[in-house]
Every structure is written in C-alpha cells, then in structure tokens.
Amino acid sequence: MNSKPQKILHVTTSKIWNQFQSLPFYETESLKNEGFIHNCTKGQLPNVIGRHFSSHQALILLEIETAKLESPLLMEESYPNDWYPHIYGRLNKDAITRVIPIEADSFGSFILPDNL
C-alpha cells in the first residue's frame, strides 16, 4: 500500500503524554525498541484500543497531520491486508493538530469523537 492518509492517530496515556509537554517532540518506547512509533487510521482506532488499551479508563488521542511530519512515515502491513502508519523517528509536535482526551463508559467502551 503506497497511499498515505492525510491524518493519522496515535493512542497514548496522559502519563506518557505529560512527559513530553515541555519538549518540541514526542516519542515512545516502541521507537527505541522497534524503530518506529505506532499509529493508526480512524477506521483502525477501535481495534487498536481494544487490542492494546482495554485495561485503561482514560486515554489521549493525538491527531497528526502527515504532511507536517519531519520523520519518515511508512504504511506497513501489521496484519494480513491491514496496513498501519508507522513514524520512523520522533514525532514533531507541530504536526499534532489536536490532543483529544477520551474516557471509557461504565461498560469499559471508549466513546470516540465523531469529528476525527
């Protein structure tokens, strides 16, 4: 898959996000361990949250404008026929267009904003 979306999403916790408040960039453990930052598209978001963040009650979504990225963005197949956006380097924070807090409802499901 060669087409890159105009906007991608990154899911994190407030604890991790807060560590980067005074810095011009954001990075994750996966950048150190795997060489890239995991992201997803709007359509992939429910599966990402269910797969990797089901034990959380509150999360932060970073909405990222891909044209503003300073690090390379590659679309890579993580699951059969399911291509995910990976940022190969630090995420420059001026590419982040919105920081969206979301919370789980009483059933543990996250309520996602309509305007992603």
PDB file of N, CA and C in Angstrom:
ATOM      1  N   MET A   1       0.859  -1.193   0.000  1.00  0.00           N
ATOM      2  CA  MET A   1       0.000   0.000   0.000  1.00  0.00           C
ATOM      3  C   MET A   1       0.890   1.237   0.000  1.00  0.00           C
ATOM      4  N   ASN A   2       0.713   2.086  -0.979  1.00  0.00           N
ATOM      5  CA  ASN A   2       1.561   3.259  -1.111  1.00  0.00           C
ATOM      6  C   ASN A   2       0.897   4.549  -0.654  1.00  0.00           C
ATOM      7  N   SER A   3      -0.424   4.595  -0.631  1.00  0.00           N
ATOM      8  CA  SER A   3      -1.097   5.841  -0.286  1.00  0.00           C
ATOM      9  C   SER A   3      -1.032   6.092   1.215  1.00  0.00           C
ATOM     10  N   LYS A   4      -0.660   7.311   1.534  1.00  0.00           N
ATOM     11  CA  LYS A   4      -0.548   7.708   2.938  1.00  0.00           C
ATOM     12  C   LYS A   4      -1.730   8.610   3.278  1.00  0.00           C
ATOM     13  N   PRO A   5      -2.367   8.347   4.405  1.00  0.00           N
ATOM     14  CA  PRO A   5      -3.503   9.193   4.796  1.00  0.00           C
ATOM     15  C   PRO A   5      -3.035  10.607   5.166  1.00  0.00           C
ATOM     16  N   GLN A   6      -3.939  11.568   5.029  1.00  0.00           N
ATOM     17  CA  GLN A   6      -3.609  12.950   5.393  1.00  0.00           C
ATOM     18  C   GLN A   6      -3.521  13.120   6.901  1.00  0.00           C
ATOM     19  N   LYS A   7      -4.342  12.350   7.617  1.00  0.00           N
ATOM     20  CA  LYS A   7      -4.328  12.411   9.081  1.00  0.00           C
ATOM     21  C   LYS A   7      -4.228  11.001   9.629  1.00  0.00           C
ATOM     22  N   ILE A   8      -3.460  10.863  10.700  1.00  0.00           N
ATOM     23  CA  ILE A   8      -3.354   9.595  11.414  1.00  0.00           C
ATOM     24  C   ILE A   8      -3.557   9.872  12.892  1.00  0.00           C
ATOM     25  N   LEU A   9      -3.716   8.805  13.649  1.00  0.00           N
ATOM     26  CA  LEU A   9      -3.947   8.927  15.087  1.00  0.00           C
ATOM     27  C   LEU A   9      -2.907   8.120  15.852  1.00  0.00           C
ATOM     28  N   HIS A  10      -2.552   8.640  17.009  1.00  0.00           N
ATOM     29  CA  HIS A  10      -1.684   7.907  17.926  1.00  0.00           C
ATOM     30  C   HIS A  10      -2.409   7.854  19.260  1.00  0.00           C
ATOM     31  N   VAL A  11      -2.416   6.686  19.876  1.00  0.00           N
ATOM     32  CA  VAL A  11      -3.074   6.498  21.178  1.00  0.00           C
ATOM     33  C   VAL A  11      -1.997   6.424  22.245  1.00  0.00           C
ATOM     34  N   THR A  12      -2.191   7.161  23.322  1.00  0.00           N
ATOM     35  CA  THR A  12      -1.255   7.133  24.437  1.00  0.00           C
ATOM     36  C   THR A  12      -2.006   7.378  25.742  1.00  0.00           C
ATOM     37  N   THR A  13      -1.262   7.374  26.815  1.00  0.00           N
ATOM     38  CA  THR A  13      -1.857   7.671  28.126  1.00  0.00           C
ATOM     39  C   THR A  13      -1.455   9.086  28.529  1.00  0.00           C
ATOM     40  N   SER A  14      -2.202   9.685  29.447  1.00  0.00           N
ATOM     41  CA  SER A  14      -1.829  11.021  29.902  1.00  0.00           C
ATOM     42  C   SER A  14      -0.482  11.012  30.601  1.00  0.00           C
ATOM     43  N   LYS A  15      -0.166   9.935  31.296  1.00  0.00           N
ATOM     44  CA  LYS A  15       1.132   9.848  31.990  1.00  0.00           C
ATOM     45  C   LYS A  15       2.282   9.959  30.979  1.00  0.00           C
ATOM     46  N   ILE A  16       2.197   9.228  29.888  1.00  0.00           N
ATOM     47  CA  ILE A  16       3.252   9.289  28.870  1.00  0.00           C
ATOM     48  C   ILE A  16       3.234  10.639  28.163  1.00  0.00           C
ATOM     49  N   TRP A  17       2.050  11.110  27.761  1.00  0.00           N
ATOM     50  CA  TRP A  17       1.938  12.385  27.062  1.00  0.00           C
ATOM     51  C   TRP A  17       2.509  13.521  27.894  1.00  0.00           C
ATOM     52  N   ASN A  18       2.228  13.524  29.188  1.00  0.00           N
ATOM     53  CA  ASN A  18       2.681  14.607  30.067  1.00  0.00           C
ATOM     54  C   ASN A  18       4.203  14.681  30.175  1.00  0.00           C
ATOM     55  N   GLN A  19       4.893  13.584  29.934  1.00  0.00           N
ATOM     56  CA  GLN A  19       6.360  13.588  29.983  1.00  0.00           C
ATOM     57  C   GLN A  19       6.967  14.449  28.872  1.00  0.00           C
ATOM     58  N   PHE A  20       6.192  14.746  27.843  1.00  0.00           N
ATOM     59  CA  PHE A  20       6.704  15.480  26.682  1.00  0.00           C
ATOM     60  C   PHE A  20       6.126  16.887  26.564  1.00  0.00           C
ATOM     61  N   GLN A  21       5.448  17.360  27.583  1.00  0.00           N
ATOM     62  CA  GLN A  21       4.785  18.661  27.495  1.00  0.00           C
ATOM     63  C   GLN A  21       5.744  19.802  27.194  1.00  0.00           C
ATOM     64  N   SER A  22       6.929  19.778  27.750  1.00  0.00           N
ATOM     65  CA  SER A  22       7.858  20.901  27.559  1.00  0.00           C
ATOM     66  C   SER A  22       8.832  20.679  26.403  1.00  0.00           C
ATOM     67  N   LEU A  23       8.662  19.600  25.656  1.00  0.00           N
ATOM     68  CA  LEU A  23       9.573  19.281  24.557  1.00  0.00           C
ATOM     69  C   LEU A  23       8.909  19.537  23.199  1.00  0.00           C
ATOM     70  N   PRO A  24       9.691  19.804  22.164  1.00  0.00           N
ATOM     71  CA  PRO A  24       9.114  20.049  20.836  1.00  0.00           C
ATOM     72  C   PRO A  24       8.811  18.755  20.072  1.00  0.00           C
ATOM     73  N   PHE A  25       9.053  17.605  20.704  1.00  0.00           N
ATOM     74  CA  PHE A  25       8.837  16.317  20.044  1.00  0.00           C
ATOM     75  C   PHE A  25       8.185  15.346  21.021  1.00  0.00           C
ATOM     76  N   TYR A  26       7.729  14.240  20.469  1.00  0.00           N
ATOM     77  CA  TYR A  26       7.129  13.155  21.244  1.00  0.00           C
ATOM     78  C   TYR A  26       7.738  11.862  20.725  1.00  0.00           C
ATOM     79  N   GLU A  27       8.017  10.938  21.635  1.00  0.00           N
ATOM     80  CA  GLU A  27       8.499   9.634  21.221  1.00  0.00           C
ATOM     81  C   GLU A  27       7.973   8.572  22.175  1.00  0.00           C
ATOM     82  N   THR A  28       8.100   7.319  21.784  1.00  0.00           N
ATOM     83  CA  THR A  28       7.550   6.213  22.555  1.00  0.00           C
ATOM     84  C   THR A  28       8.610   5.147  22.797  1.00  0.00           C
ATOM     85  N   GLU A  29       8.306   4.219  23.657  1.00  0.00           N
ATOM     86  CA  GLU A  29       9.189   3.074  23.882  1.00  0.00           C
ATOM     87  C   GLU A  29       9.357   2.272  22.592  1.00  0.00           C
ATOM     88  N   SER A  30       8.295   2.187  21.798  1.00  0.00           N
ATOM     89  CA  SER A  30       8.392   1.422  20.552  1.00  0.00           C
ATOM     90  C   SER A  30       9.419   2.023  19.596  1.00  0.00           C
ATOM     91  N   LEU A  31       9.633   3.334  19.657  1.00  0.00           N
ATOM     92  CA  LEU A  31      10.660   3.952  18.809  1.00  0.00           C
ATOM     93  C   LEU A  31      12.031   3.415  19.199  1.00  0.00           C
ATOM     94  N   LYS A  32      12.266   3.285  20.494  1.00  0.00           N
ATOM     95  CA  LYS A  32      13.540   2.759  20.970  1.00  0.00           C
ATOM     96  C   LYS A  32      13.660   1.256  20.703  1.00  0.00           C
ATOM     97  N   ASN A  33      12.570   0.531  20.932  1.00  0.00           N
ATOM     98  CA  ASN A  33      12.613  -0.933  20.844  1.00  0.00           C
ATOM     99  C   ASN A  33      12.394  -1.492  19.442  1.00  0.00           C
ATOM    100  N   GLU A  34      11.543  -0.822  18.643  1.00  0.00           N
ATOM    101  CA  GLU A  34      11.185  -1.342  17.318  1.00  0.00           C
ATOM    102  C   GLU A  34      11.622  -0.438  16.171  1.00  0.00           C
ATOM    103  N   GLY A  35      12.006   0.785  16.509  1.00  0.00           N
ATOM    104  CA  GLY A  35      12.474   1.710  15.475  1.00  0.00           C
ATOM    105  C   GLY A  35      11.409   2.620  14.904  1.00  0.00           C
ATOM    106  N   PHE A  36      10.176   2.539  15.400  1.00  0.00           N
ATOM    107  CA  PHE A  36       9.108   3.402  14.891  1.00  0.00           C
ATOM    108  C   PHE A  36       8.039   3.633  15.956  1.00  0.00           C
ATOM    109  N   ILE A  37       7.203   4.635  15.700  1.00  0.00           N
ATOM    110  CA  ILE A  37       6.062   4.960  16.558  1.00  0.00           C
ATOM    111  C   ILE A  37       4.812   4.389  15.899  1.00  0.00           C
ATOM    112  N   HIS A  38       4.059   3.604  16.643  1.00  0.00           N
ATOM    113  CA  HIS A  38       2.815   3.006  16.146  1.00  0.00           C
ATOM    114  C   HIS A  38       1.728   4.071  16.033  1.00  0.00           C
ATOM    115  N   ASN A  39       0.973   4.023  14.954  1.00  0.00           N
ATOM    116  CA  ASN A  39      -0.172   4.903  14.737  1.00  0.00           C
ATOM    117  C   ASN A  39      -1.265   4.106  14.054  1.00  0.00           C
ATOM    118  N   CYS A  40      -2.396   4.745  13.834  1.00  0.00           N
ATOM    119  CA  CYS A  40      -3.490   4.077  13.144  1.00  0.00           C
ATOM    120  C   CYS A  40      -4.322   5.103  12.399  1.00  0.00           C
ATOM    121  N   THR A  41      -5.229   4.610  11.596  1.00  0.00           N
ATOM    122  CA  THR A  41      -6.206   5.465  10.931  1.00  0.00           C
ATOM    123  C   THR A  41      -7.475   5.469  11.776  1.00  0.00           C
ATOM    124  N   LYS A  42      -8.394   6.326  11.427  1.00  0.00           N
ATOM    125  CA  LYS A  42      -9.662   6.400  12.148  1.00  0.00           C
ATOM    126  C   LYS A  42     -10.372   5.044  12.156  1.00  0.00           C
ATOM    127  N   GLY A  43     -10.385   4.358  11.032  1.00  0.00           N
ATOM    128  CA  GLY A  43     -11.052   3.063  10.936  1.00  0.00           C
ATOM    129  C   GLY A  43     -10.391   1.980  11.772  1.00  0.00           C
ATOM    130  N   GLN A  44      -9.102   2.098  12.008  1.00  0.00           N
ATOM    131  CA  GLN A  44      -8.365   1.109  12.797  1.00  0.00           C
ATOM    132  C   GLN A  44      -8.428   1.384  14.296  1.00  0.00           C
ATOM    133  N   LEU A  45      -8.834   2.576  14.669  1.00  0.00           N
ATOM    134  CA  LEU A  45      -8.794   3.011  16.066  1.00  0.00           C
ATOM    135  C   LEU A  45      -9.527   2.088  17.041  1.00  0.00           C
ATOM    136  N   PRO A  46     -10.771   1.679  16.778  1.00  0.00           N
ATOM    137  CA  PRO A  46     -11.450   0.798  17.753  1.00  0.00           C
ATOM    138  C   PRO A  46     -10.684  -0.509  18.016  1.00  0.00           C
ATOM    139  N   ASN A  47     -10.112  -1.100  16.966  1.00  0.00           N
ATOM    140  CA  ASN A  47      -9.351  -2.334  17.158  1.00  0.00           C
ATOM    141  C   ASN A  47      -8.070  -2.096  17.936  1.00  0.00           C
ATOM    142  N   VAL A  48      -7.403  -0.984  17.681  1.00  0.00           N
ATOM    143  CA  VAL A  48      -6.167  -0.656  18.398  1.00  0.00           C
ATOM    144  C   VAL A  48      -6.462  -0.475  19.881  1.00  0.00           C
ATOM    145  N   ILE A  49      -7.500   0.264  20.192  1.00  0.00           N
ATOM    146  CA  ILE A  49      -7.851   0.478  21.600  1.00  0.00           C
ATOM    147  C   ILE A  49      -8.220  -0.850  22.247  1.00  0.00           C
ATOM    148  N   GLY A  50      -9.037  -1.651  21.575  1.00  0.00           N
ATOM    149  CA  GLY A  50      -9.444  -2.941  22.132  1.00  0.00           C
ATOM    150  C   GLY A  50      -8.283  -3.900  22.324  1.00  0.00           C
ATOM    151  N   ARG A  51      -7.351  -3.886  21.405  1.00  0.00           N
ATOM    152  CA  ARG A  51      -6.214  -4.804  21.439  1.00  0.00           C
ATOM    153  C   ARG A  51      -5.147  -4.405  22.455  1.00  0.00           C
ATOM    154  N   HIS A  52      -4.894  -3.104  22.573  1.00  0.00           N
ATOM    155  CA  HIS A  52      -3.731  -2.652  23.343  1.00  0.00           C
ATOM    156  C   HIS A  52      -4.048  -1.788  24.562  1.00  0.00           C
ATOM    157  N   PHE A  53      -5.282  -1.309  24.688  1.00  0.00           N
ATOM    158  CA  PHE A  53      -5.584  -0.367  25.763  1.00  0.00           C
ATOM    159  C   PHE A  53      -6.864  -0.712  26.516  1.00  0.00           C
ATOM    160  N   SER A  54      -7.308  -1.951  26.453  1.00  0.00           N
ATOM    161  CA  SER A  54      -8.591  -2.316  27.062  1.00  0.00           C
ATOM    162  C   SER A  54      -8.597  -2.191  28.588  1.00  0.00           C
ATOM    163  N   SER A  55      -7.440  -2.204  29.205  1.00  0.00           N
ATOM    164  CA  SER A  55      -7.393  -2.103  30.667  1.00  0.00           C
ATOM    165  C   SER A  55      -7.399  -0.655  31.163  1.00  0.00           C
ATOM    166  N   HIS A  56      -7.408   0.301  30.251  1.00  0.00           N
ATOM    167  CA  HIS A  56      -7.362   1.719  30.632  1.00  0.00           C
ATOM    168  C   HIS A  56      -8.759   2.310  30.724  1.00  0.00           C
ATOM    169  N   GLN A  57      -8.888   3.332  31.555  1.00  0.00           N
ATOM    170  CA  GLN A  57     -10.149   4.059  31.687  1.00  0.00           C
ATOM    171  C   GLN A  57     -10.115   5.418  30.981  1.00  0.00           C
ATOM    172  N   ALA A  58      -8.905   5.918  30.740  1.00  0.00           N
ATOM    173  CA  ALA A  58      -8.753   7.215  30.072  1.00  0.00           C
ATOM    174  C   ALA A  58      -7.534   7.146  29.164  1.00  0.00           C
ATOM    175  N   LEU A  59      -7.649   7.763  27.992  1.00  0.00           N
ATOM    176  CA  LEU A  59      -6.570   7.766  27.008  1.00  0.00           C
ATOM    177  C   LEU A  59      -6.471   9.145  26.355  1.00  0.00           C
ATOM    178  N   ILE A  60      -5.387   9.341  25.651  1.00  0.00           N
ATOM    179  CA  ILE A  60      -5.180  10.556  24.867  1.00  0.00           C
ATOM    180  C   ILE A  60      -5.016  10.141  23.410  1.00  0.00           C
ATOM    181  N   LEU A  61      -5.756  10.792  22.528  1.00  0.00           N
ATOM    182  CA  LEU A  61      -5.587  10.602  21.084  1.00  0.00           C
ATOM    183  C   LEU A  61      -4.829  11.804  20.541  1.00  0.00           C
ATOM    184  N   LEU A  62      -3.796  11.528  19.786  1.00  0.00           N
ATOM    185  CA  LEU A  62      -3.086  12.590  19.085  1.00  0.00           C
ATOM    186  C   LEU A  62      -3.488  12.510  17.618  1.00  0.00           C
ATOM    187  N   GLU A  63      -4.050  13.582  17.116  1.00  0.00           N
ATOM    188  CA  GLU A  63      -4.391  13.657  15.702  1.00  0.00           C
ATOM    189  C   GLU A  63      -3.209  14.320  14.994  1.00  0.00           C
ATOM    190  N   ILE A  64      -2.671  13.649  13.985  1.00  0.00           N
ATOM    191  CA  ILE A  64      -1.422  14.069  13.355  1.00  0.00           C
ATOM    192  C   ILE A  64      -1.651  14.352  11.873  1.00  0.00           C
ATOM    193  N   GLU A  65      -1.193  15.510  11.421  1.00  0.00           N
ATOM    194  CA  GLU A  65      -1.250  15.864  10.009  1.00  0.00           C
ATOM    195  C   GLU A  65       0.033  15.348   9.351  1.00  0.00           C
ATOM    196  N   THR A  66      -0.095  14.356   8.506  1.00  0.00           N
ATOM    197  CA  THR A  66       1.074  13.658   7.972  1.00  0.00           C
ATOM    198  C   THR A  66       1.966  14.552   7.104  1.00  0.00           C
ATOM    199  N   ALA A  67       1.412  15.558   6.452  1.00  0.00           N
ATOM    200  CA  ALA A  67       2.216  16.452   5.606  1.00  0.00           C
ATOM    201  C   ALA A  67       3.221  17.259   6.427  1.00  0.00           C
ATOM    202  N   LYS A  68       2.974  17.403   7.724  1.00  0.00           N
ATOM    203  CA  LYS A  68       3.861  18.192   8.583  1.00  0.00           C
ATOM    204  C   LYS A  68       4.920  17.350   9.292  1.00  0.00           C
ATOM    205  N   LEU A  69       4.892  16.042   9.098  1.00  0.00           N
ATOM    206  CA  LEU A  69       5.866  15.176   9.770  1.00  0.00           C
ATOM    207  C   LEU A  69       7.279  15.442   9.266  1.00  0.00           C
ATOM    208  N   GLU A  70       8.219  15.493  10.200  1.00  0.00           N
ATOM    209  CA  GLU A  70       9.630  15.640   9.843  1.00  0.00           C
ATOM    210  C   GLU A  70      10.304  14.279   9.699  1.00  0.00           C
ATOM    211  N   SER A  71       9.775  13.258  10.365  1.00  0.00           N
ATOM    212  CA  SER A  71      10.311  11.897  10.265  1.00  0.00           C
ATOM    213  C   SER A  71       9.540  11.123   9.199  1.00  0.00           C
ATOM    214  N   PRO A  72      10.178  10.119   8.595  1.00  0.00           N
ATOM    215  CA  PRO A  72       9.500   9.334   7.559  1.00  0.00           C
ATOM    216  C   PRO A  72       8.274   8.583   8.086  1.00  0.00           C
ATOM    217  N   LEU A  73       7.244   8.536   7.261  1.00  0.00           N
ATOM    218  CA  LEU A  73       6.028   7.785   7.550  1.00  0.00           C
ATOM    219  C   LEU A  73       5.911   6.662   6.532  1.00  0.00           C
ATOM    220  N   LEU A  74       5.799   5.437   7.009  1.00  0.00           N
ATOM    221  CA  LEU A  74       5.618   4.291   6.129  1.00  0.00           C
ATOM    222  C   LEU A  74       4.330   3.571   6.491  1.00  0.00           C
ATOM    223  N   MET A  75       3.607   3.140   5.471  1.00  0.00           N
ATOM    224  CA  MET A  75       2.440   2.294   5.673  1.00  0.00           C
ATOM    225  C   MET A  75       2.926   0.845   5.586  1.00  0.00           C
ATOM    226  N   GLU A  76       2.737   0.100   6.669  1.00  0.00           N
ATOM    227  CA  GLU A  76       3.264  -1.260   6.715  1.00  0.00           C
ATOM    228  C   GLU A  76       2.185  -2.241   7.146  1.00  0.00           C
ATOM    229  N   GLU A  77       2.240  -3.404   6.564  1.00  0.00           N
ATOM    230  CA  GLU A  77       1.255  -4.439   6.853  1.00  0.00           C
ATOM    231  C   GLU A  77       1.578  -5.082   8.199  1.00  0.00           C
ATOM    232  N   SER A  78       0.698  -4.869   9.173  1.00  0.00           N
ATOM    233  CA  SER A  78       0.882  -5.444  10.510  1.00  0.00           C
ATOM    234  C   SER A  78       0.073  -6.724  10.672  1.00  0.00           C
ATOM    235  N   TYR A  79      -1.054  -6.770  10.012  1.00  0.00           N
ATOM    236  CA  TYR A  79      -1.934  -7.939   9.978  1.00  0.00           C
ATOM    237  C   TYR A  79      -2.267  -8.169   8.511  1.00  0.00           C
ATOM    238  N   PRO A  80      -2.661  -9.368   8.120  1.00  0.00           N
ATOM    239  CA  PRO A  80      -2.966  -9.591   6.699  1.00  0.00           C
ATOM    240  C   PRO A  80      -3.941  -8.545   6.144  1.00  0.00           C
ATOM    241  N   ASN A  81      -3.504  -7.851   5.116  1.00  0.00           N
ATOM    242  CA  ASN A  81      -4.297  -6.812   4.443  1.00  0.00           C
ATOM    243  C   ASN A  81      -4.711  -5.668   5.353  1.00  0.00           C
ATOM    244  N   ASP A  82      -3.954  -5.411   6.401  1.00  0.00           N
ATOM    245  CA  ASP A  82      -4.240  -4.308   7.313  1.00  0.00           C
ATOM    246  C   ASP A  82      -2.954  -3.500   7.494  1.00  0.00           C
ATOM    247  N   TRP A  83      -2.910  -2.356   6.821  1.00  0.00           N
ATOM    248  CA  TRP A  83      -1.714  -1.529   6.760  1.00  0.00           C
ATOM    249  C   TRP A  83      -1.793  -0.405   7.786  1.00  0.00           C
ATOM    250  N   TYR A  84      -0.752  -0.281   8.583  1.00  0.00           N
ATOM    251  CA  TYR A  84      -0.713   0.716   9.650  1.00  0.00           C
ATOM    252  C   TYR A  84       0.372   1.757   9.377  1.00  0.00           C
ATOM    253  N   PRO A  85       0.106   3.012   9.752  1.00  0.00           N
ATOM    254  CA  PRO A  85       1.108   4.067   9.599  1.00  0.00           C
ATOM    255  C   PRO A  85       2.133   4.021  10.729  1.00  0.00           C
ATOM    256  N   HIS A  86       3.402   3.971  10.363  1.00  0.00           N
ATOM    257  CA  HIS A  86       4.492   3.949  11.334  1.00  0.00           C
ATOM    258  C   HIS A  86       5.401   5.144  11.080  1.00  0.00           C
ATOM    259  N   ILE A  87       5.700   5.893  12.125  1.00  0.00           N
ATOM    260  CA  ILE A  87       6.606   7.034  12.023  1.00  0.00           C
ATOM    261  C   ILE A  87       7.991   6.564  12.450  1.00  0.00           C
ATOM    262  N   TYR A  88       8.949   6.669  11.552  1.00  0.00           N
ATOM    263  CA  TYR A  88      10.321   6.217  11.801  1.00  0.00           C
ATOM    264  C   TYR A  88      11.183   7.367  12.308  1.00  0.00           C
ATOM    265  N   GLY A  89      10.941   7.752  13.534  1.00  0.00           N
ATOM    266  CA  GLY A  89      11.671   8.834  14.188  1.00  0.00           C
ATOM    267  C   GLY A  89      10.757   9.543  15.160  1.00  0.00           C
ATOM    268  N   ARG A  90      11.275  10.586  15.753  1.00  0.00           N
ATOM    269  CA  ARG A  90      10.475  11.380  16.696  1.00  0.00           C
ATOM    270  C   ARG A  90       9.302  12.033  15.974  1.00  0.00           C
ATOM    271  N   LEU A  91       8.239  12.229  16.725  1.00  0.00           N
ATOM    272  CA  LEU A  91       7.071  12.953  16.222  1.00  0.00           C
ATOM    273  C   LEU A  91       7.240  14.418  16.613  1.00  0.00           C
ATOM    274  N   ASN A  92       7.435  15.274  15.623  1.00  0.00           N
ATOM    275  CA  ASN A  92       7.496  16.711  15.885  1.00  0.00           C
ATOM    276  C   ASN A  92       6.093  17.184  16.269  1.00  0.00           C
ATOM    277  N   LYS A  93       6.013  17.861  17.404  1.00  0.00           N
ATOM    278  CA  LYS A  93       4.702  18.207  17.956  1.00  0.00           C
ATOM    279  C   LYS A  93       3.932  19.222  17.121  1.00  0.00           C
ATOM    280  N   ASP A  94       4.602  19.962  16.246  1.00  0.00           N
ATOM    281  CA  ASP A  94       3.838  20.885  15.398  1.00  0.00           C
ATOM    282  C   ASP A  94       3.047  20.157  14.313  1.00  0.00           C
ATOM    283  N   ALA A  95       3.235  18.847  14.180  1.00  0.00           N
ATOM    284  CA  ALA A  95       2.408  18.043  13.269  1.00  0.00           C
ATOM    285  C   ALA A  95       1.132  17.555  13.958  1.00  0.00           C
ATOM    286  N   ILE A  96       1.060  17.733  15.272  1.00  0.00           N
ATOM    287  CA  ILE A  96      -0.126  17.317  16.028  1.00  0.00           C
ATOM    288  C   ILE A  96      -1.163  18.431  15.940  1.00  0.00           C
ATOM    289  N   THR A  97      -2.305  18.117  15.337  1.00  0.00           N
ATOM    290  CA  THR A  97      -3.340  19.133  15.150  1.00  0.00           C
ATOM    291  C   THR A  97      -4.329  19.182  16.310  1.00  0.00           C
ATOM    292  N   ARG A  98      -4.510  18.039  16.995  1.00  0.00           N
ATOM    293  CA  ARG A  98      -5.410  18.018  18.158  1.00  0.00           C
ATOM    294  C   ARG A  98      -4.930  16.984  19.163  1.00  0.00           C
ATOM    295  N   VAL A  99      -5.144  17.300  20.432  1.00  0.00           N
ATOM    296  CA  VAL A  99      -4.915  16.372  21.541  1.00  0.00           C
ATOM    297  C   VAL A  99      -6.285  16.144  22.164  1.00  0.00           C
ATOM    298  N   ILE A 100      -6.777  14.902  22.061  1.00  0.00           N
ATOM    299  CA  ILE A 100      -8.166  14.616  22.423  1.00  0.00           C
ATOM    300  C   ILE A 100      -8.218  13.599  23.567  1.00  0.00           C
ATOM    301  N   PRO A 101      -8.640  14.032  24.758  1.00  0.00           N
ATOM    302  CA  PRO A 101      -8.813  13.058  25.839  1.00  0.00           C
ATOM    303  C   PRO A 101     -10.105  12.265  25.624  1.00  0.00           C
ATOM    304  N   ILE A 102     -10.041  10.961  25.847  1.00  0.00           N
ATOM    305  CA  ILE A 102     -11.246  10.125  25.769  1.00  0.00           C
ATOM    306  C   ILE A 102     -11.313   9.255  27.018  1.00  0.00           C
ATOM    307  N   GLU A 103     -12.512   8.903  27.404  1.00  0.00           N
ATOM    308  CA  GLU A 103     -12.715   8.079  28.594  1.00  0.00           C
ATOM    309  C   GLU A 103     -13.631   6.914  28.280  1.00  0.00           C
ATOM    310  N   ALA A 104     -13.458   5.859  29.068  1.00  0.00           N
ATOM    311  CA  ALA A 104     -14.310   4.681  28.920  1.00  0.00           C
ATOM    312  C   ALA A 104     -15.643   4.940  29.633  1.00  0.00           C
ATOM    313  N   ASP A 105     -16.717   4.388  29.076  1.00  0.00           N
ATOM    314  CA  ASP A 105     -18.013   4.492  29.737  1.00  0.00           C
ATOM    315  C   ASP A 105     -18.110   3.431  30.835  1.00  0.00           C
ATOM    316  N   SER A 106     -19.257   3.299  31.444  1.00  0.00           N
ATOM    317  CA  SER A 106     -19.425   2.358  32.556  1.00  0.00           C
ATOM    318  C   SER A 106     -19.278   0.903  32.135  1.00  0.00           C
ATOM    319  N   PHE A 107     -19.324   0.644  30.828  1.00  0.00           N
ATOM    320  CA  PHE A 107     -19.149  -0.721  30.321  1.00  0.00           C
ATOM    321  C   PHE A 107     -17.715  -0.975  29.872  1.00  0.00           C
ATOM    322  N   GLY A 108     -16.850   0.040  29.977  1.00  0.00           N
ATOM    323  CA  GLY A 108     -15.452  -0.107  29.581  1.00  0.00           C
ATOM    324  C   GLY A 108     -15.190   0.203  28.128  1.00  0.00           C
ATOM    325  N   SER A 109     -16.196   0.699  27.403  1.00  0.00           N
ATOM    326  CA  SER A 109     -16.022   1.055  25.996  1.00  0.00           C
ATOM    327  C   SER A 109     -15.675   2.539  25.870  1.00  0.00           C
ATOM    328  N   PHE A 110     -14.748   2.828  24.995  1.00  0.00           N
ATOM    329  CA  PHE A 110     -14.366   4.226  24.795  1.00  0.00           C
ATOM    330  C   PHE A 110     -15.320   4.904  23.827  1.00  0.00           C
ATOM    331  N   ILE A 111     -15.698   6.115  24.189  1.00  0.00           N
ATOM    332  CA  ILE A 111     -16.566   6.926  23.348  1.00  0.00           C
ATOM    333  C   ILE A 111     -15.667   7.794  22.501  1.00  0.00           C
ATOM    334  N   LEU A 112     -15.689   7.546  21.191  1.00  0.00           N
ATOM    335  CA  LEU A 112     -14.808   8.272  20.282  1.00  0.00           C
ATOM    336  C   LEU A 112     -15.525   9.463  19.684  1.00  0.00           C
ATOM    337  N   PRO A 113     -14.824  10.568  19.523  1.00  0.00           N
ATOM    338  CA  PRO A 113     -15.455  11.746  18.922  1.00  0.00           C
ATOM    339  C   PRO A 113     -15.859  11.472  17.470  1.00  0.00           C
ATOM    340  N   ASP A 114     -16.955  12.076  17.052  1.00  0.00           N
ATOM    341  CA  ASP A 114     -17.436  11.905  15.684  1.00  0.00           C
ATOM    342  C   ASP A 114     -16.548  12.603  14.667  1.00  0.00           C
ATOM    343  N   ASN A 115     -15.909  13.665  15.082  1.00  0.00           N
ATOM    344  CA  ASN A 115     -15.185  14.530  14.132  1.00  0.00           C
ATOM    345  C   ASN A 115     -13.698  14.193  14.012  1.00  0.00           C
ATOM    346  N   LEU A 116     -13.354  12.926  14.039  1.00  0.00           N
ATOM    347  CA  LEU A 116     -11.947  12.542  13.840  1.00  0.00           C
ATOM    348  C   LEU A 116     -11.608  12.562  12.365  1.00  0.00           C
TER     349      LEU A 116
END
